[in-house]
Amino acid sequence: MALVILGLGNDLLGDDGIGLIAAEALRLCESPQVTVRTTAQSGLYLLEHLQGFDDAIVIDSAVGDHPGEVRELKGVDVRPVMVPSAHYAGLPEALALAQASGLRVPCRLRIFAVEMDPVQTIGAGPSRAVQDALPVLLSRVAEAAKDWGYLVRLPSAEVIRHA
């Protein structure tokens, strides 16, 4: 069994970088069964980060009404939709295409997203509300991995504080 924890985001857009920050904090927890990766890419480009793994936990941000709230979507909740072109493909479409093509991609998927305000400042770090969600986010990711039989040790409070 092999798990990938994939942090998504753009570190130049404030709160949108929380997936990258969370994944970097978890990088200390890698093991032969658990790999941590980060990317600012999206769509079909995500396949290169997911291919070859049995399971995936994706960490990202999402615009919402309650900045700092951690939400979860399970793979069964994320279904592909018809898109006019591969340029519009998101994670569900990329995984569906990969499976139809016979590529080895995760069968199990969980997505954790921290809600953020729709307005972001270029070059700013995460807002206090989103930054304060980091311990809860990391704990939920570790618990999800444990549910699947993987050991993900949480980083120390000191590491989290400086993430």
C-alpha atoms as a PDB file:
ATOM      1  CA  MET A   1       0.000   0.000   0.000  1.00  0.00           C
ATOM      2  CA  ALA A   2       1.158   3.516  -0.785  1.00  0.00           C
ATOM      3  CA  LEU A   3      -0.349   6.875   0.156  1.00  0.00           C
ATOM      4  CA  VAL A   4       0.372  10.270  -1.362  1.00  0.00           C
ATOM      5  CA  ILE A   5      -0.467  13.430   0.537  1.00  0.00           C
ATOM      6  CA  LEU A   6      -0.677  16.168  -2.067  1.00  0.00           C
ATOM      7  CA  GLY A   7      -0.721  19.827  -1.063  1.00  0.00           C
ATOM      8  CA  LEU A   8      -2.147  22.176  -3.687  1.00  0.00           C
ATOM      9  CA  GLY A   9      -2.095  25.934  -3.921  1.00  0.00           C
ATOM     10  CA  ASN A  10      -0.394  29.121  -4.917  1.00  0.00           C
ATOM     11  CA  ASP A  11       1.908  30.564  -2.276  1.00  0.00           C
ATOM     12  CA  LEU A  12       1.716  33.998  -3.917  1.00  0.00           C
ATOM     13  CA  LEU A  13      -2.016  34.328  -3.172  1.00  0.00           C
ATOM     14  CA  GLY A  14      -2.240  34.419   0.627  1.00  0.00           C
ATOM     15  CA  ASP A  15      -4.693  31.822   1.888  1.00  0.00           C
ATOM     16  CA  ASP A  16      -4.475  29.821  -1.341  1.00  0.00           C
ATOM     17  CA  GLY A  17      -1.057  28.577  -0.181  1.00  0.00           C
ATOM     18  CA  ILE A  18      -2.372  26.712   2.895  1.00  0.00           C
ATOM     19  CA  GLY A  19      -2.293  23.339   1.106  1.00  0.00           C
ATOM     20  CA  LEU A  20       1.389  23.833   0.351  1.00  0.00           C
ATOM     21  CA  ILE A  21       2.144  24.934   3.916  1.00  0.00           C
ATOM     22  CA  ALA A  22       0.311  21.944   5.409  1.00  0.00           C
ATOM     23  CA  ALA A  23       2.053  19.462   3.121  1.00  0.00           C
ATOM     24  CA  GLU A  24       5.469  20.944   3.906  1.00  0.00           C
ATOM     25  CA  ALA A  25       4.755  20.552   7.630  1.00  0.00           C
ATOM     26  CA  LEU A  26       3.887  16.882   6.988  1.00  0.00           C
ATOM     27  CA  ARG A  27       6.996  16.262   4.866  1.00  0.00           C
ATOM     28  CA  LEU A  28       8.847  15.363   8.077  1.00  0.00           C
ATOM     29  CA  CYS A  29       6.385  12.479   8.450  1.00  0.00           C
ATOM     30  CA  GLU A  30       7.232  10.686   5.211  1.00  0.00           C
ATOM     31  CA  SER A  31       7.821   6.937   5.378  1.00  0.00           C
ATOM     32  CA  PRO A  32       8.200   4.122   2.849  1.00  0.00           C
ATOM     33  CA  GLN A  33       4.374   3.948   2.650  1.00  0.00           C
ATOM     34  CA  VAL A  34       3.634   7.702   2.791  1.00  0.00           C
ATOM     35  CA  THR A  35       4.906  10.284   0.292  1.00  0.00           C
ATOM     36  CA  VAL A  36       4.236  14.009   0.583  1.00  0.00           C
ATOM     37  CA  ARG A  37       4.186  16.204  -2.519  1.00  0.00           C
ATOM     38  CA  THR A  38       3.285  19.794  -3.329  1.00  0.00           C
ATOM     39  CA  THR A  39       2.283  21.519  -6.547  1.00  0.00           C
ATOM     40  CA  ALA A  40       0.737  24.678  -7.908  1.00  0.00           C
ATOM     41  CA  GLN A  41      -0.471  22.714 -10.928  1.00  0.00           C
ATOM     42  CA  SER A  42      -4.033  21.637 -11.602  1.00  0.00           C
ATOM     43  CA  GLY A  43      -6.118  19.544 -13.981  1.00  0.00           C
ATOM     44  CA  LEU A  44      -4.428  16.781 -15.927  1.00  0.00           C
ATOM     45  CA  TYR A  45      -1.019  17.825 -14.558  1.00  0.00           C
ATOM     46  CA  LEU A  46      -2.073  16.373 -11.195  1.00  0.00           C
ATOM     47  CA  LEU A  47      -1.808  12.856 -12.635  1.00  0.00           C
ATOM     48  CA  GLU A  48       1.993  12.938 -12.495  1.00  0.00           C
ATOM     49  CA  HIS A  49       1.741  13.520  -8.741  1.00  0.00           C
ATOM     50  CA  LEU A  50      -0.912  10.818  -8.169  1.00  0.00           C
ATOM     51  CA  GLN A  51       0.150   8.037 -10.506  1.00  0.00           C
ATOM     52  CA  GLY A  52       1.469   4.900  -8.825  1.00  0.00           C
ATOM     53  CA  PHE A  53      -0.273   5.412  -5.484  1.00  0.00           C
ATOM     54  CA  ASP A  54      -3.101   3.362  -3.985  1.00  0.00           C
ATOM     55  CA  ASP A  55      -4.563   6.186  -1.911  1.00  0.00           C
ATOM     56  CA  ALA A  56      -4.478   9.986  -1.926  1.00  0.00           C
ATOM     57  CA  ILE A  57      -5.210  12.776   0.495  1.00  0.00           C
ATOM     58  CA  VAL A  58      -5.355  16.179  -1.175  1.00  0.00           C
ATOM     59  CA  ILE A  59      -4.987  19.383   0.840  1.00  0.00           C
ATOM     60  CA  ASP A  60      -6.203  22.644  -0.665  1.00  0.00           C
ATOM     61  CA  SER A  61      -8.163  25.820  -0.013  1.00  0.00           C
ATOM     62  CA  ALA A  62     -11.680  26.714  -1.113  1.00  0.00           C
ATOM     63  CA  VAL A  63     -13.590  29.959  -1.163  1.00  0.00           C
ATOM     64  CA  GLY A  64     -16.197  29.904   1.583  1.00  0.00           C
ATOM     65  CA  ASP A  65     -18.252  31.891   4.050  1.00  0.00           C
ATOM     66  CA  HIS A  66     -16.222  30.827   7.096  1.00  0.00           C
ATOM     67  CA  PRO A  67     -12.485  31.454   6.526  1.00  0.00           C
ATOM     68  CA  GLY A  68     -10.468  28.967   8.545  1.00  0.00           C
ATOM     69  CA  GLU A  69     -13.105  26.238   8.610  1.00  0.00           C
ATOM     70  CA  VAL A  70     -11.755  22.850   7.523  1.00  0.00           C
ATOM     71  CA  ARG A  71     -14.031  20.937   5.150  1.00  0.00           C
ATOM     72  CA  GLU A  72     -13.703  17.407   3.840  1.00  0.00           C
ATOM     73  CA  LEU A  73     -14.804  15.801   0.617  1.00  0.00           C
ATOM     74  CA  LYS A  74     -14.468  12.090   0.090  1.00  0.00           C
ATOM     75  CA  GLY A  75     -13.692  10.733  -3.349  1.00  0.00           C
ATOM     76  CA  VAL A  76     -17.238   9.435  -3.762  1.00  0.00           C
ATOM     77  CA  ASP A  77     -18.485  13.021  -3.312  1.00  0.00           C
ATOM     78  CA  VAL A  78     -16.330  14.302  -6.168  1.00  0.00           C
ATOM     79  CA  ARG A  79     -17.655  13.149  -9.518  1.00  0.00           C
ATOM     80  CA  PRO A  80     -16.367  14.065 -12.974  1.00  0.00           C
ATOM     81  CA  VAL A  81     -18.480  16.484 -14.984  1.00  0.00           C
ATOM     82  CA  MET A  82     -18.659  17.039 -18.715  1.00  0.00           C
ATOM     83  CA  VAL A  83     -16.146  19.713 -19.660  1.00  0.00           C
ATOM     84  CA  PRO A  84     -15.793  21.304 -23.094  1.00  0.00           C
ATOM     85  CA  SER A  85     -12.074  20.577 -23.307  1.00  0.00           C
ATOM     86  CA  ALA A  86      -9.151  19.050 -21.431  1.00  0.00           C
ATOM     87  CA  HIS A  87      -8.173  22.636 -20.536  1.00  0.00           C
ATOM     88  CA  TYR A  88     -11.086  22.683 -18.067  1.00  0.00           C
ATOM     89  CA  ALA A  89     -10.343  19.335 -16.456  1.00  0.00           C
ATOM     90  CA  GLY A  90     -10.154  19.232 -12.681  1.00  0.00           C
ATOM     91  CA  LEU A  91      -9.107  16.488 -10.288  1.00  0.00           C
ATOM     92  CA  PRO A  92     -12.224  14.309 -10.814  1.00  0.00           C
ATOM     93  CA  GLU A  93     -11.886  14.461 -14.594  1.00  0.00           C
ATOM     94  CA  ALA A  94      -8.153  13.736 -14.448  1.00  0.00           C
ATOM     95  CA  LEU A  95      -8.688  10.661 -12.252  1.00  0.00           C
ATOM     96  CA  ALA A  96     -11.538   9.384 -14.440  1.00  0.00           C
ATOM     97  CA  LEU A  97      -9.394   9.754 -17.564  1.00  0.00           C
ATOM     98  CA  ALA A  98      -6.466   7.998 -15.907  1.00  0.00           C
ATOM     99  CA  GLN A  99      -8.635   5.096 -14.737  1.00  0.00           C
ATOM    100  CA  ALA A 100     -10.204   4.746 -18.187  1.00  0.00           C
ATOM    101  CA  SER A 101      -6.692   4.683 -19.670  1.00  0.00           C
ATOM    102  CA  GLY A 102      -5.565   1.937 -17.315  1.00  0.00           C
ATOM    103  CA  LEU A 103      -3.132   4.068 -15.320  1.00  0.00           C
ATOM    104  CA  ARG A 104      -2.518   3.175 -11.687  1.00  0.00           C
ATOM    105  CA  VAL A 105      -4.033   6.052  -9.729  1.00  0.00           C
ATOM    106  CA  PRO A 106      -5.508   6.160  -6.227  1.00  0.00           C
ATOM    107  CA  CYS A 107      -8.686   4.176  -5.669  1.00  0.00           C
ATOM    108  CA  ARG A 108      -9.398   6.025  -2.437  1.00  0.00           C
ATOM    109  CA  LEU A 109      -9.396   9.811  -2.238  1.00  0.00           C
ATOM    110  CA  ARG A 110     -10.068  12.301   0.516  1.00  0.00           C
ATOM    111  CA  ILE A 111      -9.840  16.048   0.065  1.00  0.00           C
ATOM    112  CA  PHE A 112      -9.378  18.522   2.901  1.00  0.00           C
ATOM    113  CA  ALA A 113      -9.899  22.196   2.152  1.00  0.00           C
ATOM    114  CA  VAL A 114      -9.605  25.227   4.375  1.00  0.00           C
ATOM    115  CA  GLU A 115     -12.198  27.871   3.601  1.00  0.00           C
ATOM    116  CA  MET A 116     -10.796  31.228   2.573  1.00  0.00           C
ATOM    117  CA  ASP A 117     -12.139  34.650   1.713  1.00  0.00           C
ATOM    118  CA  PRO A 118     -12.623  35.161  -2.048  1.00  0.00           C
ATOM    119  CA  VAL A 119     -10.420  38.276  -1.999  1.00  0.00           C
ATOM    120  CA  GLN A 120      -6.698  37.535  -1.694  1.00  0.00           C
ATOM    121  CA  THR A 121      -3.712  39.861  -1.692  1.00  0.00           C
ATOM    122  CA  ILE A 122      -0.872  38.983  -4.037  1.00  0.00           C
ATOM    123  CA  GLY A 123       2.319  38.405  -2.078  1.00  0.00           C
ATOM    124  CA  ALA A 124       0.611  38.166   1.313  1.00  0.00           C
ATOM    125  CA  GLY A 125       0.843  35.157   3.586  1.00  0.00           C
ATOM    126  CA  PRO A 126      -2.175  33.294   4.918  1.00  0.00           C
ATOM    127  CA  SER A 127      -4.680  35.227   7.018  1.00  0.00           C
ATOM    128  CA  ARG A 128      -4.763  34.591  10.764  1.00  0.00           C
ATOM    129  CA  ALA A 129      -8.007  32.555  10.456  1.00  0.00           C
ATOM    130  CA  VAL A 130      -6.524  30.232   7.829  1.00  0.00           C
ATOM    131  CA  GLN A 131      -3.163  29.958   9.605  1.00  0.00           C
ATOM    132  CA  ASP A 132      -4.947  29.102  12.874  1.00  0.00           C
ATOM    133  CA  ALA A 133      -6.712  26.209  11.083  1.00  0.00           C
ATOM    134  CA  LEU A 134      -3.381  24.449  10.420  1.00  0.00           C
ATOM    135  CA  PRO A 135      -3.318  22.242  13.566  1.00  0.00           C
ATOM    136  CA  VAL A 136      -6.901  21.064  12.941  1.00  0.00           C
ATOM    137  CA  LEU A 137      -6.142  20.458   9.259  1.00  0.00           C
ATOM    138  CA  LEU A 138      -3.010  18.423  10.003  1.00  0.00           C
ATOM    139  CA  SER A 139      -4.821  16.407  12.656  1.00  0.00           C
ATOM    140  CA  ARG A 140      -7.661  15.560  10.265  1.00  0.00           C
ATOM    141  CA  VAL A 141      -5.204  14.517   7.540  1.00  0.00           C
ATOM    142  CA  ALA A 142      -3.329  12.263   9.996  1.00  0.00           C
ATOM    143  CA  GLU A 143      -6.610  10.736  11.187  1.00  0.00           C
ATOM    144  CA  ALA A 144      -7.730  10.077   7.598  1.00  0.00           C
ATOM    145  CA  ALA A 145      -4.418   8.341   6.868  1.00  0.00           C
ATOM    146  CA  LYS A 146      -4.807   6.280  10.048  1.00  0.00           C
ATOM    147  CA  ASP A 147      -8.326   5.234   8.953  1.00  0.00           C
ATOM    148  CA  TRP A 148      -6.688   3.673   5.900  1.00  0.00           C
ATOM    149  CA  GLY A 149      -3.911   1.979   7.871  1.00  0.00           C
ATOM    150  CA  TYR A 150      -1.090   4.494   7.379  1.00  0.00           C
ATOM    151  CA  LEU A 151       0.939   6.027  10.155  1.00  0.00           C
ATOM    152  CA  VAL A 152       1.350   9.800   9.827  1.00  0.00           C
ATOM    153  CA  ARG A 153       2.934  11.376  12.876  1.00  0.00           C
ATOM    154  CA  LEU A 154       1.988  14.978  13.394  1.00  0.00           C
ATOM    155  CA  PRO A 155       4.808  17.503  13.450  1.00  0.00           C
ATOM    156  CA  SER A 156       5.595  19.184  16.752  1.00  0.00           C
ATOM    157  CA  ALA A 157       3.721  22.307  17.808  1.00  0.00           C
ATOM    158  CA  GLU A 158       6.958  24.229  17.177  1.00  0.00           C
ATOM    159  CA  VAL A 159       7.091  23.074  13.549  1.00  0.00           C
ATOM    160  CA  ILE A 160       3.418  23.916  13.059  1.00  0.00           C
ATOM    161  CA  ARG A 161       3.882  27.348  14.593  1.00  0.00           C
ATOM    162  CA  HIS A 162       6.666  28.171  12.121  1.00  0.00           C
ATOM    163  CA  ALA A 163       4.953  26.660   9.091  1.00  0.00           C
END
